[in-house]
Amino acid sequence: MSEPIPYYFDPINRNAIIVKPKKPFFDWVNAIDDTDKIEEVDENNIYLIREMDSNFDVQEWISDNYEALFVNELNDWYVDETLWPKHRTYELFCEWFKVTIHSMILDLEDFPITKH
């Protein structure tokens, strides 16, 4: 039997952003491979970034770093970069992905977070 979760959870000094593909992204995926039409996914990538004072600051971080997010999302589906859109603008990123911002990240476990 596992230990009960404590009533107080430790916040960590990060914000999280979740990047969720939208229909134009799936249109691109389906245009490359129409074997199984994909219209949505159950899981999305969560990115932890440094803790910021406001959602406006996080949104600014996203607009400054959208290219890395975009590349990672494309690479999750197709590693062949020749299939990727050539002009990956912030506007295209916003058209293809919905980004939600989460400011309270709580660690429910009592062992250290590790990076691999």
PDB file of N, CA and C in Angstrom:
ATOM      1  N   MET A   1       0.846  -1.178   0.000  1.00  0.00           N
ATOM      2  CA  MET A   1       0.000   0.000   0.000  1.00  0.00           C
ATOM      3  C   MET A   1       0.887   1.236   0.000  1.00  0.00           C
ATOM      4  N   SER A   2       0.568   2.216  -0.835  1.00  0.00           N
ATOM      5  CA  SER A   2       1.404   3.408  -0.938  1.00  0.00           C
ATOM      6  C   SER A   2       1.069   4.409   0.168  1.00  0.00           C
ATOM      7  N   GLU A   3       2.045   5.277   0.396  1.00  0.00           N
ATOM      8  CA  GLU A   3       1.878   6.330   1.402  1.00  0.00           C
ATOM      9  C   GLU A   3       0.822   7.324   0.919  1.00  0.00           C
ATOM     10  N   PRO A   4       0.010   7.853   1.827  1.00  0.00           N
ATOM     11  CA  PRO A   4      -0.956   8.882   1.399  1.00  0.00           C
ATOM     12  C   PRO A   4      -0.225  10.158   0.985  1.00  0.00           C
ATOM     13  N   ILE A   5      -0.822  10.882   0.060  1.00  0.00           N
ATOM     14  CA  ILE A   5      -0.255  12.155  -0.388  1.00  0.00           C
ATOM     15  C   ILE A   5      -0.429  13.172   0.735  1.00  0.00           C
ATOM     16  N   PRO A   6       0.640  13.955   1.026  1.00  0.00           N
ATOM     17  CA  PRO A   6       0.508  14.953   2.097  1.00  0.00           C
ATOM     18  C   PRO A   6      -0.495  16.043   1.710  1.00  0.00           C
ATOM     19  N   TYR A   7      -0.980  16.740   2.715  1.00  0.00           N
ATOM     20  CA  TYR A   7      -1.958  17.801   2.455  1.00  0.00           C
ATOM     21  C   TYR A   7      -1.306  19.061   1.920  1.00  0.00           C
ATOM     22  N   TYR A   8      -0.037  19.213   2.149  1.00  0.00           N
ATOM     23  CA  TYR A   8       0.679  20.374   1.629  1.00  0.00           C
ATOM     24  C   TYR A   8       1.609  19.914   0.528  1.00  0.00           C
ATOM     25  N   PHE A   9       1.510  20.553  -0.627  1.00  0.00           N
ATOM     26  CA  PHE A   9       2.339  20.178  -1.765  1.00  0.00           C
ATOM     27  C   PHE A   9       3.391  21.251  -1.982  1.00  0.00           C
ATOM     28  N   ASP A  10       4.568  20.831  -2.386  1.00  0.00           N
ATOM     29  CA  ASP A  10       5.665  21.758  -2.607  1.00  0.00           C
ATOM     30  C   ASP A  10       5.599  22.359  -4.009  1.00  0.00           C
ATOM     31  N   PRO A  11       5.425  23.671  -4.101  1.00  0.00           N
ATOM     32  CA  PRO A  11       5.492  24.297  -5.428  1.00  0.00           C
ATOM     33  C   PRO A  11       6.944  24.311  -5.907  1.00  0.00           C
ATOM     34  N   ILE A  12       7.137  24.215  -7.211  1.00  0.00           N
ATOM     35  CA  ILE A  12       8.483  24.325  -7.763  1.00  0.00           C
ATOM     36  C   ILE A  12       8.580  25.623  -8.543  1.00  0.00           C
ATOM     37  N   ASN A  13       9.793  26.091  -8.716  1.00  0.00           N
ATOM     38  CA  ASN A  13      10.005  27.398  -9.328  1.00  0.00           C
ATOM     39  C   ASN A  13      10.016  27.311 -10.858  1.00  0.00           C
ATOM     40  N   ARG A  14       8.904  26.897 -11.397  1.00  0.00           N
ATOM     41  CA  ARG A  14       8.728  26.799 -12.842  1.00  0.00           C
ATOM     42  C   ARG A  14       7.304  27.200 -13.205  1.00  0.00           C
ATOM     43  N   ASN A  15       7.152  27.647 -14.436  1.00  0.00           N
ATOM     44  CA  ASN A  15       5.852  27.743 -15.078  1.00  0.00           C
ATOM     45  C   ASN A  15       5.804  26.595 -16.072  1.00  0.00           C
ATOM     46  N   ALA A  16       4.613  26.167 -16.399  1.00  0.00           N
ATOM     47  CA  ALA A  16       4.447  25.122 -17.409  1.00  0.00           C
ATOM     48  C   ALA A  16       3.640  25.690 -18.562  1.00  0.00           C
ATOM     49  N   ILE A  17       4.026  25.284 -19.753  1.00  0.00           N
ATOM     50  CA  ILE A  17       3.209  25.590 -20.923  1.00  0.00           C
ATOM     51  C   ILE A  17       2.889  24.262 -21.602  1.00  0.00           C
ATOM     52  N   ILE A  18       1.647  24.117 -21.982  1.00  0.00           N
ATOM     53  CA  ILE A  18       1.209  22.922 -22.694  1.00  0.00           C
ATOM     54  C   ILE A  18       0.931  23.341 -24.132  1.00  0.00           C
ATOM     55  N   VAL A  19       1.543  22.607 -25.061  1.00  0.00           N
ATOM     56  CA  VAL A  19       1.396  22.900 -26.481  1.00  0.00           C
ATOM     57  C   VAL A  19       0.496  21.824 -27.080  1.00  0.00           C
ATOM     58  N   LYS A  20      -0.679  22.264 -27.532  1.00  0.00           N
ATOM     59  CA  LYS A  20      -1.681  21.336 -28.068  1.00  0.00           C
ATOM     60  C   LYS A  20      -1.893  21.618 -29.561  1.00  0.00           C
ATOM     61  N   PRO A  21      -1.659  20.613 -30.409  1.00  0.00           N
ATOM     62  CA  PRO A  21      -1.877  20.813 -31.849  1.00  0.00           C
ATOM     63  C   PRO A  21      -3.347  21.118 -32.161  1.00  0.00           C
ATOM     64  N   LYS A  22      -3.524  21.990 -33.171  1.00  0.00           N
ATOM     65  CA  LYS A  22      -4.859  22.340 -33.650  1.00  0.00           C
ATOM     66  C   LYS A  22      -5.069  21.748 -35.057  1.00  0.00           C
ATOM     67  N   LYS A  23      -6.241  21.947 -35.595  1.00  0.00           N
ATOM     68  CA  LYS A  23      -6.617  21.351 -36.879  1.00  0.00           C
ATOM     69  C   LYS A  23      -5.601  21.598 -38.005  1.00  0.00           C
ATOM     70  N   PRO A  24      -5.073  22.817 -38.196  1.00  0.00           N
ATOM     71  CA  PRO A  24      -4.104  23.005 -39.287  1.00  0.00           C
ATOM     72  C   PRO A  24      -2.858  22.116 -39.152  1.00  0.00           C
ATOM     73  N   PHE A  25      -2.448  21.844 -37.908  1.00  0.00           N
ATOM     74  CA  PHE A  25      -1.325  20.936 -37.706  1.00  0.00           C
ATOM     75  C   PHE A  25      -1.697  19.526 -38.162  1.00  0.00           C
ATOM     76  N   PHE A  26      -2.869  19.067 -37.758  1.00  0.00           N
ATOM     77  CA  PHE A  26      -3.296  17.730 -38.160  1.00  0.00           C
ATOM     78  C   PHE A  26      -3.542  17.652 -39.662  1.00  0.00           C
ATOM     79  N   ASP A  27      -3.967  18.738 -40.278  1.00  0.00           N
ATOM     80  CA  ASP A  27      -4.102  18.767 -41.737  1.00  0.00           C
ATOM     81  C   ASP A  27      -2.736  18.515 -42.386  1.00  0.00           C
ATOM     82  N   TRP A  28      -1.687  19.125 -41.837  1.00  0.00           N
ATOM     83  CA  TRP A  28      -0.323  18.918 -42.331  1.00  0.00           C
ATOM     84  C   TRP A  28       0.101  17.461 -42.134  1.00  0.00           C
ATOM     85  N   VAL A  29      -0.111  16.922 -40.928  1.00  0.00           N
ATOM     86  CA  VAL A  29       0.236  15.520 -40.642  1.00  0.00           C
ATOM     87  C   VAL A  29      -0.490  14.596 -41.614  1.00  0.00           C
ATOM     88  N   ASN A  30      -1.776  14.807 -41.799  1.00  0.00           N
ATOM     89  CA  ASN A  30      -2.573  13.937 -42.665  1.00  0.00           C
ATOM     90  C   ASN A  30      -2.211  14.083 -44.136  1.00  0.00           C
ATOM     91  N   ALA A  31      -1.704  15.247 -44.525  1.00  0.00           N
ATOM     92  CA  ALA A  31      -1.271  15.436 -45.913  1.00  0.00           C
ATOM     93  C   ALA A  31       0.001  14.633 -46.194  1.00  0.00           C
ATOM     94  N   ILE A  32       0.825  14.437 -45.190  1.00  0.00           N
ATOM     95  CA  ILE A  32       2.064  13.667 -45.359  1.00  0.00           C
ATOM     96  C   ILE A  32       1.758  12.173 -45.376  1.00  0.00           C
ATOM     97  N   ASP A  33       0.900  11.753 -44.475  1.00  0.00           N
ATOM     98  CA  ASP A  33       0.569  10.328 -44.365  1.00  0.00           C
ATOM     99  C   ASP A  33      -0.924  10.194 -44.101  1.00  0.00           C
ATOM    100  N   ASP A  34      -1.642   9.787 -45.131  1.00  0.00           N
ATOM    101  CA  ASP A  34      -3.100   9.696 -44.981  1.00  0.00           C
ATOM    102  C   ASP A  34      -3.572   8.282 -44.645  1.00  0.00           C
ATOM    103  N   THR A  35      -2.656   7.445 -44.132  1.00  0.00           N
ATOM    104  CA  THR A  35      -3.017   6.079 -43.756  1.00  0.00           C
ATOM    105  C   THR A  35      -4.114   6.077 -42.702  1.00  0.00           C
ATOM    106  N   ASP A  36      -3.879   6.757 -41.615  1.00  0.00           N
ATOM    107  CA  ASP A  36      -4.866   6.907 -40.544  1.00  0.00           C
ATOM    108  C   ASP A  36      -5.068   8.393 -40.302  1.00  0.00           C
ATOM    109  N   LYS A  37      -6.237   8.886 -40.585  1.00  0.00           N
ATOM    110  CA  LYS A  37      -6.515  10.306 -40.366  1.00  0.00           C
ATOM    111  C   LYS A  37      -6.472  10.621 -38.871  1.00  0.00           C
ATOM    112  N   ILE A  38      -5.701  11.630 -38.510  1.00  0.00           N
ATOM    113  CA  ILE A  38      -5.573  12.041 -37.117  1.00  0.00           C
ATOM    114  C   ILE A  38      -6.224  13.409 -36.968  1.00  0.00           C
ATOM    115  N   GLU A  39      -7.105  13.520 -35.994  1.00  0.00           N
ATOM    116  CA  GLU A  39      -7.801  14.784 -35.766  1.00  0.00           C
ATOM    117  C   GLU A  39      -7.523  15.365 -34.389  1.00  0.00           C
ATOM    118  N   GLU A  40      -6.988  14.522 -33.482  1.00  0.00           N
ATOM    119  CA  GLU A  40      -6.613  14.998 -32.162  1.00  0.00           C
ATOM    120  C   GLU A  40      -5.726  13.948 -31.505  1.00  0.00           C
ATOM    121  N   VAL A  41      -5.085  14.342 -30.419  1.00  0.00           N
ATOM    122  CA  VAL A  41      -4.266  13.416 -29.636  1.00  0.00           C
ATOM    123  C   VAL A  41      -4.669  13.524 -28.170  1.00  0.00           C
ATOM    124  N   ASP A  42      -4.442  12.451 -27.447  1.00  0.00           N
ATOM    125  CA  ASP A  42      -4.803  12.438 -26.024  1.00  0.00           C
ATOM    126  C   ASP A  42      -3.757  13.094 -25.142  1.00  0.00           C
ATOM    127  N   GLU A  43      -2.505  13.058 -25.573  1.00  0.00           N
ATOM    128  CA  GLU A  43      -1.423  13.621 -24.772  1.00  0.00           C
ATOM    129  C   GLU A  43      -0.757  14.756 -25.527  1.00  0.00           C
ATOM    130  N   ASN A  44      -0.304  15.738 -24.771  1.00  0.00           N
ATOM    131  CA  ASN A  44       0.395  16.880 -25.352  1.00  0.00           C
ATOM    132  C   ASN A  44       1.681  17.116 -24.578  1.00  0.00           C
ATOM    133  N   ASN A  45       2.615  17.787 -25.220  1.00  0.00           N
ATOM    134  CA  ASN A  45       3.877  18.084 -24.549  1.00  0.00           C
ATOM    135  C   ASN A  45       3.698  19.199 -23.528  1.00  0.00           C
ATOM    136  N   ILE A  46       4.362  19.012 -22.404  1.00  0.00           N
ATOM    137  CA  ILE A  46       4.388  20.018 -21.344  1.00  0.00           C
ATOM    138  C   ILE A  46       5.829  20.492 -21.224  1.00  0.00           C
ATOM    139  N   TYR A  47       6.015  21.784 -21.282  1.00  0.00           N
ATOM    140  CA  TYR A  47       7.346  22.377 -21.180  1.00  0.00           C
ATOM    141  C   TYR A  47       7.423  23.175 -19.887  1.00  0.00           C
ATOM    142  N   LEU A  48       8.465  22.926 -19.112  1.00  0.00           N
ATOM    143  CA  LEU A  48       8.698  23.711 -17.903  1.00  0.00           C
ATOM    144  C   LEU A  48       9.694  24.810 -18.241  1.00  0.00           C
ATOM    145  N   ILE A  49       9.346  26.019 -17.868  1.00  0.00           N
ATOM    146  CA  ILE A  49      10.222  27.169 -18.084  1.00  0.00           C
ATOM    147  C   ILE A  49      10.402  27.887 -16.748  1.00  0.00           C
ATOM    148  N   ARG A  50      11.363  28.797 -16.710  1.00  0.00           N
ATOM    149  CA  ARG A  50      11.609  29.498 -15.441  1.00  0.00           C
ATOM    150  C   ARG A  50      10.338  30.199 -14.976  1.00  0.00           C
ATOM    151  N   GLU A  51      10.202  30.324 -13.687  1.00  0.00           N
ATOM    152  CA  GLU A  51       9.029  30.983 -13.114  1.00  0.00           C
ATOM    153  C   GLU A  51       9.052  32.461 -13.475  1.00  0.00           C
ATOM    154  N   MET A  52       7.922  32.970 -13.908  1.00  0.00           N
ATOM    155  CA  MET A  52       7.810  34.373 -14.297  1.00  0.00           C
ATOM    156  C   MET A  52       6.704  35.037 -13.514  1.00  0.00           C
ATOM    157  N   ASP A  53       6.723  36.358 -13.500  1.00  0.00           N
ATOM    158  CA  ASP A  53       5.793  37.130 -12.679  1.00  0.00           C
ATOM    159  C   ASP A  53       4.372  37.171 -13.218  1.00  0.00           C
ATOM    160  N   SER A  54       4.211  37.009 -14.526  1.00  0.00           N
ATOM    161  CA  SER A  54       2.870  37.156 -15.094  1.00  0.00           C
ATOM    162  C   SER A  54       2.727  36.298 -16.351  1.00  0.00           C
ATOM    163  N   ASN A  55       1.485  36.048 -16.737  1.00  0.00           N
ATOM    164  CA  ASN A  55       1.222  35.334 -17.981  1.00  0.00           C
ATOM    165  C   ASN A  55       1.691  36.142 -19.185  1.00  0.00           C
ATOM    166  N   PHE A  56       1.670  37.458 -19.064  1.00  0.00           N
ATOM    167  CA  PHE A  56       2.188  38.301 -20.142  1.00  0.00           C
ATOM    168  C   PHE A  56       3.666  37.999 -20.366  1.00  0.00           C
ATOM    169  N   ASP A  57       4.438  37.865 -19.283  1.00  0.00           N
ATOM    170  CA  ASP A  57       5.866  37.546 -19.399  1.00  0.00           C
ATOM    171  C   ASP A  57       6.068  36.172 -20.034  1.00  0.00           C
ATOM    172  N   VAL A  58       5.226  35.212 -19.657  1.00  0.00           N
ATOM    173  CA  VAL A  58       5.318  33.876 -20.253  1.00  0.00           C
ATOM    174  C   VAL A  58       4.982  33.952 -21.734  1.00  0.00           C
ATOM    175  N   GLN A  59       3.954  34.698 -22.085  1.00  0.00           N
ATOM    176  CA  GLN A  59       3.570  34.843 -23.489  1.00  0.00           C
ATOM    177  C   GLN A  59       4.710  35.474 -24.293  1.00  0.00           C
ATOM    178  N   GLU A  60       5.382  36.428 -23.710  1.00  0.00           N
ATOM    179  CA  GLU A  60       6.534  37.047 -24.369  1.00  0.00           C
ATOM    180  C   GLU A  60       7.654  36.019 -24.552  1.00  0.00           C
ATOM    181  N   TRP A  61       7.879  35.176 -23.529  1.00  0.00           N
ATOM    182  CA  TRP A  61       8.885  34.117 -23.636  1.00  0.00           C
ATOM    183  C   TRP A  61       8.529  33.184 -24.790  1.00  0.00           C
ATOM    184  N   ILE A  62       7.253  32.829 -24.895  1.00  0.00           N
ATOM    185  CA  ILE A  62       6.813  31.942 -25.971  1.00  0.00           C
ATOM    186  C   ILE A  62       7.081  32.577 -27.330  1.00  0.00           C
ATOM    187  N   SER A  63       6.751  33.850 -27.478  1.00  0.00           N
ATOM    188  CA  SER A  63       6.969  34.507 -28.773  1.00  0.00           C
ATOM    189  C   SER A  63       8.456  34.613 -29.110  1.00  0.00           C
ATOM    190  N   ASP A  64       9.309  34.680 -28.083  1.00  0.00           N
ATOM    191  CA  ASP A  64      10.758  34.720 -28.311  1.00  0.00           C
ATOM    192  C   ASP A  64      11.345  33.339 -28.596  1.00  0.00           C
ATOM    193  N   ASN A  65      10.667  32.283 -28.151  1.00  0.00           N
ATOM    194  CA  ASN A  65      11.222  30.928 -28.228  1.00  0.00           C
ATOM    195  C   ASN A  65      10.342  29.948 -28.997  1.00  0.00           C
ATOM    196  N   TYR A  66       9.388  30.457 -29.751  1.00  0.00           N
ATOM    197  CA  TYR A  66       8.452  29.580 -30.453  1.00  0.00           C
ATOM    198  C   TYR A  66       9.159  28.621 -31.399  1.00  0.00           C
ATOM    199  N   GLU A  67      10.281  29.039 -31.996  1.00  0.00           N
ATOM    200  CA  GLU A  67      10.970  28.194 -32.981  1.00  0.00           C
ATOM    201  C   GLU A  67      11.408  26.864 -32.356  1.00  0.00           C
ATOM    202  N   ALA A  68      11.961  26.896 -31.155  1.00  0.00           N
ATOM    203  CA  ALA A  68      12.388  25.659 -30.485  1.00  0.00           C
ATOM    204  C   ALA A  68      11.185  24.775 -30.182  1.00  0.00           C
ATOM    205  N   LEU A  69      10.092  25.379 -29.746  1.00  0.00           N
ATOM    206  CA  LEU A  69       8.870  24.621 -29.480  1.00  0.00           C
ATOM    207  C   LEU A  69       8.338  24.003 -30.769  1.00  0.00           C
ATOM    208  N   PHE A  70       8.303  24.805 -31.819  1.00  0.00           N
ATOM    209  CA  PHE A  70       7.798  24.362 -33.116  1.00  0.00           C
ATOM    210  C   PHE A  70       8.619  23.168 -33.611  1.00  0.00           C
ATOM    211  N   VAL A  71       9.939  23.289 -33.577  1.00  0.00           N
ATOM    212  CA  VAL A  71      10.815  22.219 -34.046  1.00  0.00           C
ATOM    213  C   VAL A  71      10.593  20.944 -33.238  1.00  0.00           C
ATOM    214  N   ASN A  72      10.470  21.065 -31.936  1.00  0.00           N
ATOM    215  CA  ASN A  72      10.253  19.877 -31.119  1.00  0.00           C
ATOM    216  C   ASN A  72       8.921  19.205 -31.452  1.00  0.00           C
ATOM    217  N   GLU A  73       7.883  19.999 -31.643  1.00  0.00           N
ATOM    218  CA  GLU A  73       6.578  19.434 -31.980  1.00  0.00           C
ATOM    219  C   GLU A  73       6.616  18.734 -33.341  1.00  0.00           C
ATOM    220  N   LEU A  74       7.256  19.342 -34.328  1.00  0.00           N
ATOM    221  CA  LEU A  74       7.373  18.715 -35.647  1.00  0.00           C
ATOM    222  C   LEU A  74       8.185  17.435 -35.559  1.00  0.00           C
ATOM    223  N   ASN A  75       9.281  17.486 -34.825  1.00  0.00           N
ATOM    224  CA  ASN A  75      10.174  16.337 -34.690  1.00  0.00           C
ATOM    225  C   ASN A  75       9.487  15.158 -33.994  1.00  0.00           C
ATOM    226  N   ASP A  76       8.524  15.440 -33.128  1.00  0.00           N
ATOM    227  CA  ASP A  76       7.772  14.361 -32.479  1.00  0.00           C
ATOM    228  C   ASP A  76       6.975  13.543 -33.491  1.00  0.00           C
ATOM    229  N   TRP A  77       6.638  14.153 -34.623  1.00  0.00           N
ATOM    230  CA  TRP A  77       5.823  13.465 -35.637  1.00  0.00           C
ATOM    231  C   TRP A  77       6.655  12.955 -36.804  1.00  0.00           C
ATOM    232  N   TYR A  78       7.581  13.793 -37.276  1.00  0.00           N
ATOM    233  CA  TYR A  78       8.413  13.418 -38.424  1.00  0.00           C
ATOM    234  C   TYR A  78       9.821  13.958 -38.213  1.00  0.00           C
ATOM    235  N   VAL A  79      10.801  13.041 -38.206  1.00  0.00           N
ATOM    236  CA  VAL A  79      12.190  13.466 -38.028  1.00  0.00           C
ATOM    237  C   VAL A  79      12.811  13.955 -39.340  1.00  0.00           C
ATOM    238  N   ASP A  80      12.173  13.663 -40.443  1.00  0.00           N
ATOM    239  CA  ASP A  80      12.652  14.126 -41.745  1.00  0.00           C
ATOM    240  C   ASP A  80      12.313  15.607 -41.910  1.00  0.00           C
ATOM    241  N   GLU A  81      13.318  16.445 -41.721  1.00  0.00           N
ATOM    242  CA  GLU A  81      13.109  17.895 -41.749  1.00  0.00           C
ATOM    243  C   GLU A  81      12.673  18.415 -43.113  1.00  0.00           C
ATOM    244  N   THR A  82      12.890  17.647 -44.163  1.00  0.00           N
ATOM    245  CA  THR A  82      12.452  18.101 -45.492  1.00  0.00           C
ATOM    246  C   THR A  82      10.932  18.138 -45.597  1.00  0.00           C
ATOM    247  N   LEU A  83      10.252  17.438 -44.690  1.00  0.00           N
ATOM    248  CA  LEU A  83       8.790  17.441 -44.677  1.00  0.00           C
ATOM    249  C   LEU A  83       8.212  18.621 -43.903  1.00  0.00           C
ATOM    250  N   TRP A  84       9.042  19.283 -43.135  1.00  0.00           N
ATOM    251  CA  TRP A  84       8.583  20.373 -42.281  1.00  0.00           C
ATOM    252  C   TRP A  84       8.302  21.633 -43.102  1.00  0.00           C
ATOM    253  N   PRO A  85       7.402  22.475 -42.626  1.00  0.00           N
ATOM    254  CA  PRO A  85       7.192  23.756 -43.320  1.00  0.00           C
ATOM    255  C   PRO A  85       8.498  24.567 -43.320  1.00  0.00           C
ATOM    256  N   LYS A  86       8.789  25.178 -44.440  1.00  0.00           N
ATOM    257  CA  LYS A  86      10.048  25.930 -44.579  1.00  0.00           C
ATOM    258  C   LYS A  86      10.030  27.244 -43.800  1.00  0.00           C
ATOM    259  N   HIS A  87       8.902  27.925 -43.801  1.00  0.00           N
ATOM    260  CA  HIS A  87       8.796  29.237 -43.145  1.00  0.00           C
ATOM    261  C   HIS A  87       7.964  29.084 -41.875  1.00  0.00           C
ATOM    262  N   ARG A  88       8.681  28.848 -40.783  1.00  0.00           N
ATOM    263  CA  ARG A  88       8.001  28.636 -39.505  1.00  0.00           C
ATOM    264  C   ARG A  88       7.969  29.953 -38.735  1.00  0.00           C
ATOM    265  N   THR A  89       6.938  30.693 -38.922  1.00  0.00           N
ATOM    266  CA  THR A  89       6.782  31.988 -38.268  1.00  0.00           C
ATOM    267  C   THR A  89       6.018  31.827 -36.962  1.00  0.00           C
ATOM    268  N   TYR A  90       6.041  32.857 -36.158  1.00  0.00           N
ATOM    269  CA  TYR A  90       5.259  32.843 -34.925  1.00  0.00           C
ATOM    270  C   TYR A  90       3.769  32.775 -35.253  1.00  0.00           C
ATOM    271  N   GLU A  91       3.362  33.442 -36.321  1.00  0.00           N
ATOM    272  CA  GLU A  91       1.958  33.411 -36.728  1.00  0.00           C
ATOM    273  C   GLU A  91       1.528  31.989 -37.092  1.00  0.00           C
ATOM    274  N   LEU A  92       2.399  31.265 -37.821  1.00  0.00           N
ATOM    275  CA  LEU A  92       2.078  29.881 -38.175  1.00  0.00           C
ATOM    276  C   LEU A  92       2.038  29.007 -36.928  1.00  0.00           C
ATOM    277  N   PHE A  93       2.972  29.224 -36.008  1.00  0.00           N
ATOM    278  CA  PHE A  93       2.964  28.486 -34.748  1.00  0.00           C
ATOM    279  C   PHE A  93       1.625  28.681 -34.036  1.00  0.00           C
ATOM    280  N   CYS A  94       1.169  29.912 -33.948  1.00  0.00           N
ATOM    281  CA  CYS A  94      -0.109  30.208 -33.271  1.00  0.00           C
ATOM    282  C   CYS A  94      -1.294  29.612 -34.017  1.00  0.00           C
ATOM    283  N   GLU A  95      -1.188  29.521 -35.329  1.00  0.00           N
ATOM    284  CA  GLU A  95      -2.250  28.921 -36.131  1.00  0.00           C
ATOM    285  C   GLU A  95      -2.308  27.406 -35.916  1.00  0.00           C
ATOM    286  N   TRP A  96      -1.151  26.786 -35.719  1.00  0.00           N
ATOM    287  CA  TRP A  96      -1.060  25.330 -35.621  1.00  0.00           C
ATOM    288  C   TRP A  96      -1.184  24.798 -34.199  1.00  0.00           C
ATOM    289  N   PHE A  97      -0.914  25.647 -33.185  1.00  0.00           N
ATOM    290  CA  PHE A  97      -0.875  25.160 -31.808  1.00  0.00           C
ATOM    291  C   PHE A  97      -1.590  26.106 -30.854  1.00  0.00           C
ATOM    292  N   LYS A  98      -2.267  25.514 -29.900  1.00  0.00           N
ATOM    293  CA  LYS A  98      -2.835  26.263 -28.786  1.00  0.00           C
ATOM    294  C   LYS A  98      -1.881  26.065 -27.611  1.00  0.00           C
ATOM    295  N   VAL A  99      -1.502  27.156 -26.976  1.00  0.00           N
ATOM    296  CA  VAL A  99      -0.588  27.085 -25.843  1.00  0.00           C
ATOM    297  C   VAL A  99      -1.323  27.560 -24.598  1.00  0.00           C
ATOM    298  N   THR A 100      -1.318  26.724 -23.568  1.00  0.00           N
ATOM    299  CA  THR A 100      -1.898  27.140 -22.298  1.00  0.00           C
ATOM    300  C   THR A 100      -0.778  27.316 -21.286  1.00  0.00           C
ATOM    301  N   ILE A 101      -0.970  28.285 -20.409  1.00  0.00           N
ATOM    302  CA  ILE A 101       0.041  28.660 -19.423  1.00  0.00           C
ATOM    303  C   ILE A 101      -0.446  28.237 -18.044  1.00  0.00           C
ATOM    304  N   HIS A 102       0.459  27.651 -17.281  1.00  0.00           N
ATOM    305  CA  HIS A 102       0.140  27.189 -15.931  1.00  0.00           C
ATOM    306  C   HIS A 102       1.221  27.708 -14.983  1.00  0.00           C
ATOM    307  N   SER A 103       0.788  28.462 -13.995  1.00  0.00           N
ATOM    308  CA  SER A 103       1.758  29.131 -13.135  1.00  0.00           C
ATOM    309  C   SER A 103       2.020  28.425 -11.813  1.00  0.00           C
ATOM    310  N   MET A 104       1.152  27.544 -11.407  1.00  0.00           N
ATOM    311  CA  MET A 104       1.349  26.859 -10.134  1.00  0.00           C
ATOM    312  C   MET A 104       1.687  25.394 -10.417  1.00  0.00           C
ATOM    313  N   ILE A 105       2.955  25.053 -10.252  1.00  0.00           N
ATOM    314  CA  ILE A 105       3.422  23.690 -10.484  1.00  0.00           C
ATOM    315  C   ILE A 105       3.739  23.096  -9.115  1.00  0.00           C
ATOM    316  N   LEU A 106       3.019  22.058  -8.758  1.00  0.00           N
ATOM    317  CA  LEU A 106       3.148  21.462  -7.426  1.00  0.00           C
ATOM    318  C   LEU A 106       3.766  20.074  -7.542  1.00  0.00           C
ATOM    319  N   ASP A 107       4.771  19.825  -6.729  1.00  0.00           N
ATOM    320  CA  ASP A 107       5.438  18.529  -6.699  1.00  0.00           C
ATOM    321  C   ASP A 107       4.776  17.666  -5.628  1.00  0.00           C
ATOM    322  N   LEU A 108       4.157  16.576  -6.037  1.00  0.00           N
ATOM    323  CA  LEU A 108       3.433  15.703  -5.120  1.00  0.00           C
ATOM    324  C   LEU A 108       4.294  14.565  -4.573  1.00  0.00           C
ATOM    325  N   GLU A 109       5.518  14.479  -5.016  1.00  0.00           N
ATOM    326  CA  GLU A 109       6.380  13.383  -4.590  1.00  0.00           C
ATOM    327  C   GLU A 109       7.447  13.889  -3.620  1.00  0.00           C
ATOM    328  N   ASP A 110       8.026  12.963  -2.852  1.00  0.00           N
ATOM    329  CA  ASP A 110       9.015  13.372  -1.860  1.00  0.00           C
ATOM    330  C   ASP A 110      10.434  12.966  -2.255  1.00  0.00           C
ATOM    331  N   PHE A 111      10.669  12.756  -3.547  1.00  0.00           N
ATOM    332  CA  PHE A 111      12.017  12.459  -4.007  1.00  0.00           C
ATOM    333  C   PHE A 111      12.395  13.494  -5.061  1.00  0.00           C
ATOM    334  N   PRO A 112      13.703  13.702  -5.277  1.00  0.00           N
ATOM    335  CA  PRO A 112      14.157  14.788  -6.159  1.00  0.00           C
ATOM    336  C   PRO A 112      13.725  14.598  -7.616  1.00  0.00           C
ATOM    337  N   ILE A 113      13.527  15.701  -8.278  1.00  0.00           N
ATOM    338  CA  ILE A 113      13.273  15.713  -9.711  1.00  0.00           C
ATOM    339  C   ILE A 113      14.624  15.547 -10.392  1.00  0.00           C
ATOM    340  N   THR A 114      14.689  14.667 -11.390  1.00  0.00           N
ATOM    341  CA  THR A 114      15.934  14.476 -12.115  1.00  0.00           C
ATOM    342  C   THR A 114      15.725  14.776 -13.582  1.00  0.00           C
ATOM    343  N   LYS A 115      16.809  15.168 -14.232  1.00  0.00           N
ATOM    344  CA  LYS A 115      16.803  15.389 -15.679  1.00  0.00           C
ATOM    345  C   LYS A 115      17.570  14.247 -16.339  1.00  0.00           C
ATOM    346  N   HIS A 116      17.078  13.805 -17.485  1.00  0.00           N
ATOM    347  CA  HIS A 116      17.742  12.701 -18.206  1.00  0.00           C
ATOM    348  C   HIS A 116      18.408  13.215 -19.444  1.00  0.00           C
TER     349      HIS A 116
END
